C-alpha atoms as a PDB file:
ATOM      1  CA  MET A   1       1.413-105.429 -45.449  1.00  0.00           C
ATOM      2  CA  PHE A   2      -0.761-107.154 -42.093  1.00  0.00           C
ATOM      3  CA  PHE A   3      -2.133-105.403 -38.352  1.00  0.00           C
ATOM      4  CA  ILE A   4      -5.148-106.239 -36.393  1.00  0.00           C
ATOM      5  CA  VAL A   5      -6.809-103.043 -35.425  1.00  0.00           C
ATOM      6  CA  ASP A   6      -9.879-102.378 -32.845  1.00  0.00           C
ATOM      7  CA  LYS A   7     -12.795-101.691 -34.725  1.00  0.00           C
ATOM      8  CA  PRO A   8     -14.602 -98.851 -32.978  1.00  0.00           C
ATOM      9  CA  ARG A   9     -11.048 -97.266 -32.456  1.00  0.00           C
ATOM     10  CA  PHE A  10     -10.482 -97.092 -36.122  1.00  0.00           C
ATOM     11  CA  GLU A  11     -14.307 -96.178 -37.063  1.00  0.00           C
ATOM     12  CA  LYS A  12     -14.188 -93.146 -34.283  1.00  0.00           C
ATOM     13  CA  ILE A  13     -10.167 -92.382 -35.757  1.00  0.00           C
ATOM     14  CA  LEU A  14     -11.554 -92.252 -39.389  1.00  0.00           C
ATOM     15  CA  ARG A  15     -14.310 -89.809 -39.432  1.00  0.00           C
ATOM     16  CA  ILE A  16     -12.007 -87.078 -37.869  1.00  0.00           C
ATOM     17  CA  VAL A  17      -9.275 -87.715 -40.739  1.00  0.00           C
ATOM     18  CA  ARG A  18     -11.455 -88.037 -42.971  1.00  0.00           C
ATOM     19  CA  PRO A  19     -13.138 -84.821 -44.904  1.00  0.00           C
ATOM     20  CA  ALA A  20     -16.265 -83.133 -43.928  1.00  0.00           C
ATOM     21  CA  PRO A  21     -18.935 -84.531 -45.371  1.00  0.00           C
ATOM     22  CA  GLY A  22     -19.959 -81.373 -48.062  1.00  0.00           C
ATOM     23  CA  VAL A  23     -17.081 -82.877 -49.865  1.00  0.00           C
ATOM     24  CA  ARG A  24     -18.121 -84.228 -53.272  1.00  0.00           C
ATOM     25  CA  ALA A  25     -15.911 -87.944 -54.797  1.00  0.00           C
ATOM     26  CA  SER A  26     -16.322 -90.886 -55.473  1.00  0.00           C
ATOM     27  CA  ASP A  27     -14.922 -94.595 -54.969  1.00  0.00           C
ATOM     28  CA  HIS A  28     -12.163 -93.547 -57.963  1.00  0.00           C
ATOM     29  CA  THR A  29     -12.182 -89.950 -57.773  1.00  0.00           C
ATOM     30  CA  GLY A  30     -11.475 -89.321 -54.379  1.00  0.00           C
ATOM     31  CA  PRO A  31      -8.842 -87.807 -52.374  1.00  0.00           C
ATOM     32  CA  PHE A  32      -6.573 -90.465 -50.591  1.00  0.00           C
ATOM     33  CA  LEU A  33      -6.210 -91.741 -46.948  1.00  0.00           C
ATOM     34  CA  ARG A  34      -2.866 -92.567 -45.990  1.00  0.00           C
ATOM     35  CA  ILE A  35      -2.417 -95.778 -43.678  1.00  0.00           C
ATOM     36  CA  GLU A  36       0.795 -96.601 -42.109  1.00  0.00           C
ATOM     37  CA  ALA A  37       1.257 -99.645 -40.363  1.00  0.00           C
ATOM     38  CA  SER A  38       4.628-100.083 -37.731  1.00  0.00           C
ATOM     39  CA  ASP A  39       5.676-100.966 -34.645  1.00  0.00           C
ATOM     40  CA  ASN A  40       2.590-101.962 -33.270  1.00  0.00           C
ATOM     41  CA  ARG A  41       0.633 -98.412 -34.128  1.00  0.00           C
ATOM     42  CA  LEU A  42      -1.148 -97.242 -36.538  1.00  0.00           C
ATOM     43  CA  SER A  43      -1.694 -93.845 -38.607  1.00  0.00           C
ATOM     44  CA  LEU A  44      -4.239 -92.431 -40.798  1.00  0.00           C
ATOM     45  CA  SER A  45      -3.828 -89.511 -42.670  1.00  0.00           C
ATOM     46  CA  SER A  46      -5.795 -87.335 -44.860  1.00  0.00           C
ATOM     47  CA  ARG A  47      -4.606 -84.496 -46.815  1.00  0.00           C
ATOM     48  CA  SER A  48      -5.319 -82.687 -43.933  1.00  0.00           C
ATOM     49  CA  VAL A  49      -5.445 -84.203 -40.692  1.00  0.00           C
ATOM     50  CA  SER A  50      -3.112 -87.465 -39.055  1.00  0.00           C
ATOM     51  CA  ALA A  51      -3.795 -89.425 -36.223  1.00  0.00           C
ATOM     52  CA  GLU A  52      -1.648 -92.184 -35.337  1.00  0.00           C
ATOM     53  CA  PHE A  53      -2.729 -94.660 -32.220  1.00  0.00           C
ATOM     54  CA  GLU A  54      -1.794 -98.269 -31.199  1.00  0.00           C
ATOM     55  CA  ALA A  55      -2.281-101.548 -33.782  1.00  0.00           C
ATOM     56  CA  THR A  56      -0.990-105.234 -33.551  1.00  0.00           C
ATOM     57  CA  VAL A  57       1.158-105.033 -36.975  1.00  0.00           C
ATOM     58  CA  PHE A  58       2.030-108.508 -37.592  1.00  0.00           C
ATOM     59  CA  GLU A  59       3.864-106.974 -41.153  1.00  0.00           C
ATOM     60  CA  PRO A  60       5.096-103.231 -41.535  1.00  0.00           C
ATOM     61  CA  GLY A  61       3.355-101.258 -44.789  1.00  0.00           C
ATOM     62  CA  VAL A  62       2.373 -98.497 -46.511  1.00  0.00           C
ATOM     63  CA  LEU A  63      -1.413 -97.786 -47.951  1.00  0.00           C
ATOM     64  CA  PHE A  64      -3.325 -95.344 -50.104  1.00  0.00           C
ATOM     65  CA  LEU A  65      -6.378 -96.165 -50.598  1.00  0.00           C
ATOM     66  CA  ARG A  66      -9.089 -93.892 -51.827  1.00  0.00           C
ATOM     67  CA  GLU A  67     -11.441 -92.539 -48.207  1.00  0.00           C
ATOM     68  CA  ARG A  68     -14.848 -92.730 -49.557  1.00  0.00           C
ATOM     69  CA  LEU A  69     -13.603 -96.049 -50.485  1.00  0.00           C
ATOM     70  CA  PHE A  70     -12.235 -97.360 -47.381  1.00  0.00           C
ATOM     71  CA  ALA A  71     -14.923 -95.669 -45.517  1.00  0.00           C
ATOM     72  CA  ARG A  72     -17.281 -98.312 -47.767  1.00  0.00           C
ATOM     73  CA  LEU A  73     -16.166-101.493 -46.681  1.00  0.00           C
ATOM     74  CA  LEU A  74     -15.273-100.378 -43.528  1.00  0.00           C
ATOM     75  CA  ARG A  75     -18.419-100.031 -43.339  1.00  0.00           C
ATOM     76  CA  GLY A  76     -20.395-103.168 -44.115  1.00  0.00           C
ATOM     77  CA  VAL A  77     -18.108-105.288 -41.589  1.00  0.00           C
ATOM     78  CA  LYS A  78     -20.626-106.299 -39.100  1.00  0.00           C
ATOM     79  CA  GLY A  79     -20.964-107.192 -36.033  1.00  0.00           C
ATOM     80  CA  GLU A  80     -17.132-107.100 -35.299  1.00  0.00           C
ATOM     81  CA  ASN A  81     -14.796-105.887 -32.649  1.00  0.00           C
ATOM     82  CA  GLN A  82     -11.629-106.048 -34.390  1.00  0.00           C
ATOM     83  CA  LEU A  83     -10.297-105.728 -38.375  1.00  0.00           C
ATOM     84  CA  SER A  84      -7.808-107.654 -40.252  1.00  0.00           C
ATOM     85  CA  ILE A  85      -6.270-106.164 -42.756  1.00  0.00           C
ATOM     86  CA  GLN A  86      -3.896-107.309 -45.065  1.00  0.00           C
ATOM     87  CA  VAL A  87      -1.999-106.332 -48.276  1.00  0.00           C
ATOM     88  CA  ASN A  88      -0.036-107.671 -50.103  1.00  0.00           C
ATOM     89  CA  ALA A  89       0.344-107.646 -54.007  1.00  0.00           C
ATOM     90  CA  GLU A  90      -2.404-109.771 -54.974  1.00  0.00           C
ATOM     91  CA  GLY A  91      -4.369-106.941 -53.081  1.00  0.00           C
ATOM     92  CA  LEU A  92      -6.223-105.955 -50.340  1.00  0.00           C
ATOM     93  CA  LEU A  93      -7.486-108.871 -47.758  1.00  0.00           C
ATOM     94  CA  PHE A  94     -10.156-106.949 -45.275  1.00  0.00           C
ATOM     95  CA  SER A  95     -12.170-108.787 -43.068  1.00  0.00           C
ATOM     96  CA  ASP A  96     -14.262-111.348 -45.323  1.00  0.00           C
ATOM     97  CA  VAL A  97     -13.417-108.684 -48.878  1.00  0.00           C
ATOM     98  CA  ARG A  98     -10.979-109.359 -50.612  1.00  0.00           C
ATOM     99  CA  MET A  99      -9.702-106.619 -53.954  1.00  0.00           C
ATOM    100  CA  PRO A 100      -7.359-106.240 -55.984  1.00  0.00           C
ATOM    101  CA  LEU A 101      -4.783-103.678 -56.339  1.00  0.00           C
ATOM    102  CA  GLU A 102      -5.952-101.460 -58.507  1.00  0.00           C
ATOM    103  CA  PRO A 103      -3.063 -98.073 -59.132  1.00  0.00           C
ATOM    104  CA  ASN A 104      -6.421 -95.688 -59.595  1.00  0.00           C
ATOM    105  CA  LEU A 105      -7.335 -97.087 -56.093  1.00  0.00           C
ATOM    106  CA  MET A 106      -4.499 -98.006 -53.902  1.00  0.00           C
ATOM    107  CA  LEU A 107      -1.096 -97.973 -53.833  1.00  0.00           C
ATOM    108  CA  LEU A 108       1.323-100.817 -51.594  1.00  0.00           C
ATOM    109  CA  TYR A 109       4.525 -99.411 -49.613  1.00  0.00           C
ATOM    110  CA  ILE A 110       6.253-102.234 -48.509  1.00  0.00           C
ATOM    111  CA  ASN A 111       9.010-100.098 -46.581  1.00  0.00           C
ATOM    112  CA  PRO A 112       6.781 -97.069 -44.755  1.00  0.00           C
ATOM    113  CA  LEU A 113      10.356 -95.736 -44.615  1.00  0.00           C
ATOM    114  CA  LYS A 114      10.199 -95.309 -48.521  1.00  0.00           C
ATOM    115  CA  ALA A 115       6.669 -94.156 -48.556  1.00  0.00           C
ATOM    116  CA  PRO A 116       5.559 -91.081 -49.312  1.00  0.00           C
ATOM    117  CA  VAL A 117       3.426 -88.809 -47.321  1.00  0.00           C
ATOM    118  CA  ARG A 118       1.074 -87.733 -50.204  1.00  0.00           C
ATOM    119  CA  HIS A 119       0.024 -90.016 -53.036  1.00  0.00           C
ATOM    120  CA  PRO A 120       1.966 -89.336 -55.633  1.00  0.00           C
ATOM    121  CA  GLU A 121      -1.011 -88.789 -57.758  1.00  0.00           C
ATOM    122  CA  GLU A 122      -2.303 -86.182 -55.424  1.00  0.00           C
ATOM    123  CA  VAL A 123       1.566 -83.923 -55.553  1.00  0.00           C
ATOM    124  CA  HIS A 124       0.904 -84.179 -58.822  1.00  0.00           C
ATOM    125  CA  ALA A 125      -1.989 -82.772 -59.775  1.00  0.00           C
ATOM    126  CA  GLU A 126      -1.465 -80.068 -56.790  1.00  0.00           C
ATOM    127  CA  ARG A 127       1.938 -79.236 -58.689  1.00  0.00           C
ATOM    128  CA  LYS A 128       0.233 -79.355 -62.118  1.00  0.00           C
ATOM    129  CA  SER A 129      -2.401 -76.597 -59.984  1.00  0.00           C
ATOM    130  CA  LEU A 130       0.022 -74.545 -59.035  1.00  0.00           C
ATOM    131  CA  ARG A 131       1.697 -74.122 -61.745  1.00  0.00           C
ATOM    132  CA  GLU A 132      -1.590 -73.069 -63.914  1.00  0.00           C
ATOM    133  CA  GLU A 133      -1.642 -71.091 -60.445  1.00  0.00           C
ATOM    134  CA  VAL A 134       1.573 -68.933 -61.293  1.00  0.00           C
ATOM    135  CA  GLU A 135       1.316 -68.953 -65.149  1.00  0.00           C
ATOM    136  CA  GLN A 136      -1.895 -67.067 -64.543  1.00  0.00           C
ATOM    137  CA  ALA A 137       0.194 -64.129 -62.240  1.00  0.00           C
ATOM    138  CA  ARG A 138       2.372 -63.894 -64.424  1.00  0.00           C
ATOM    139  CA  VAL A 139      -0.103 -62.895 -67.073  1.00  0.00           C
ATOM    140  CA  ARG A 140      -1.655 -60.839 -64.850  1.00  0.00           C
ATOM    141  CA  LEU A 141       1.731 -59.774 -63.857  1.00  0.00           C
ATOM    142  CA  SER A 142       2.664 -58.815 -67.732  1.00  0.00           C
ATOM    143  CA  GLU A 143      -0.838 -56.828 -67.679  1.00  0.00           C
ATOM    144  CA  ALA A 144      -0.251 -54.929 -65.226  1.00  0.00           C
ATOM    145  CA  GLU A 145       3.357 -54.067 -66.134  1.00  0.00           C
ATOM    146  CA  GLN A 146       2.070 -53.048 -69.405  1.00  0.00           C
ATOM    147  CA  THR A 147      -0.543 -51.161 -67.614  1.00  0.00           C
ATOM    148  CA  CYS A 148       1.874 -49.534 -65.880  1.00  0.00           C
ATOM    149  CA  GLU A 149       4.080 -48.360 -68.463  1.00  0.00           C
ATOM    150  CA  GLN A 150       0.834 -46.608 -70.066  1.00  0.00           C
ATOM    151  CA  ALA A 151      -0.601 -45.395 -67.256  1.00  0.00           C
ATOM    152  CA  ASN A 152       3.764 -43.996 -67.567  1.00  0.00           C
ATOM    153  CA  THR A 153       3.538 -43.047 -70.284  1.00  0.00           C
ATOM    154  CA  ASP A 154       0.349 -41.070 -69.687  1.00  0.00           C
ATOM    155  CA  ARG A 155       1.389 -39.103 -67.148  1.00  0.00           C
ATOM    156  CA  LEU A 156       4.701 -38.448 -69.263  1.00  0.00           C
ATOM    157  CA  SER A 157       2.404 -36.954 -72.196  1.00  0.00           C
ATOM    158  CA  ALA A 158       0.580 -35.025 -69.720  1.00  0.00           C
ATOM    159  CA  GLU A 159       3.322 -33.208 -68.306  1.00  0.00           C
ATOM    160  CA  LYS A 160       5.085 -32.267 -71.597  1.00  0.00           C
ATOM    161  CA  ARG A 161       1.812 -30.762 -71.750  1.00  0.00           C
ATOM    162  CA  LEU A 162       0.853 -28.981 -69.444  1.00  0.00           C
ATOM    163  CA  GLN A 163       4.972 -27.644 -69.624  1.00  0.00           C
ATOM    164  CA  THR A 164       4.311 -26.493 -72.988  1.00  0.00           C
ATOM    165  CA  PHE A 165       0.377 -24.969 -71.659  1.00  0.00           C
ATOM    166  CA  ASP A 166       2.676 -23.469 -68.982  1.00  0.00           C
ATOM    167  CA  ASP A 167       5.299 -22.283 -71.616  1.00  0.00           C
ATOM    168  CA  GLN A 168       2.569 -20.597 -73.694  1.00  0.00           C
ATOM    169  CA  HIS A 169       0.226 -18.996 -71.255  1.00  0.00           C
ATOM    170  CA  PRO A 170       2.463 -18.485 -68.051  1.00  0.00           C
ATOM    171  CA  GLU A 171       0.952 -17.475 -64.831  1.00  0.00           C
ATOM    172  CA  PRO A 172       0.894 -13.393 -63.969  1.00  0.00           C
ATOM    173  CA  PRO A 173       2.654 -12.914 -60.892  1.00  0.00           C
ATOM    174  CA  PRO A 174       0.830 -13.476 -57.565  1.00  0.00           C
ATOM    175  CA  ASP A 175       0.646  -9.514 -56.924  1.00  0.00           C
ATOM    176  CA  ALA A 176      -0.544  -8.932 -60.482  1.00  0.00           C
ATOM    177  CA  LEU A 177      -4.264 -11.036 -60.207  1.00  0.00           C
ATOM    178  CA  PHE A 178      -5.649  -8.081 -57.368  1.00  0.00           C
ATOM    179  CA  GLY A 179      -4.488  -5.201 -59.853  1.00  0.00           C
ATOM    180  CA  SER A 180      -2.556  -4.054 -56.977  1.00  0.00           C
END
């Protein structure tokens, strides 16, 4: 993956797709930014927002990189109007910064058509969270069913006691109430 892009525009788009400032994360634990370079277009995507714009793309690819780490790297590049970003098996070459590819920080797909929409780690974490949510709902449902069964048992018992009471103490006819 290798592309050149207008730095001010790139920074503006990055501010749009990054999460709100209140989101706390470190360079190593925050959400991933998806950068896709293909057909002289660059696409930046976070979990909820994506943007696409023109760039000079020499080699296509998709790079997942921790959002906070990438923003910090970008802030470190001063006095350049154009950014050159290259990623290969050896790592990320970003202006004059070189970083090795580390699975917990970056993930490169050379073929954009085979790249997932979201980083596999985030998909796994969300799937796990959703499964836990489903299990908690099942537990609550089971508890509610037990409560409903108990309420139904209580209702049947009360109806039976009422019937026994009514059998033992029949209601007087309406006209007997007023001594007619």
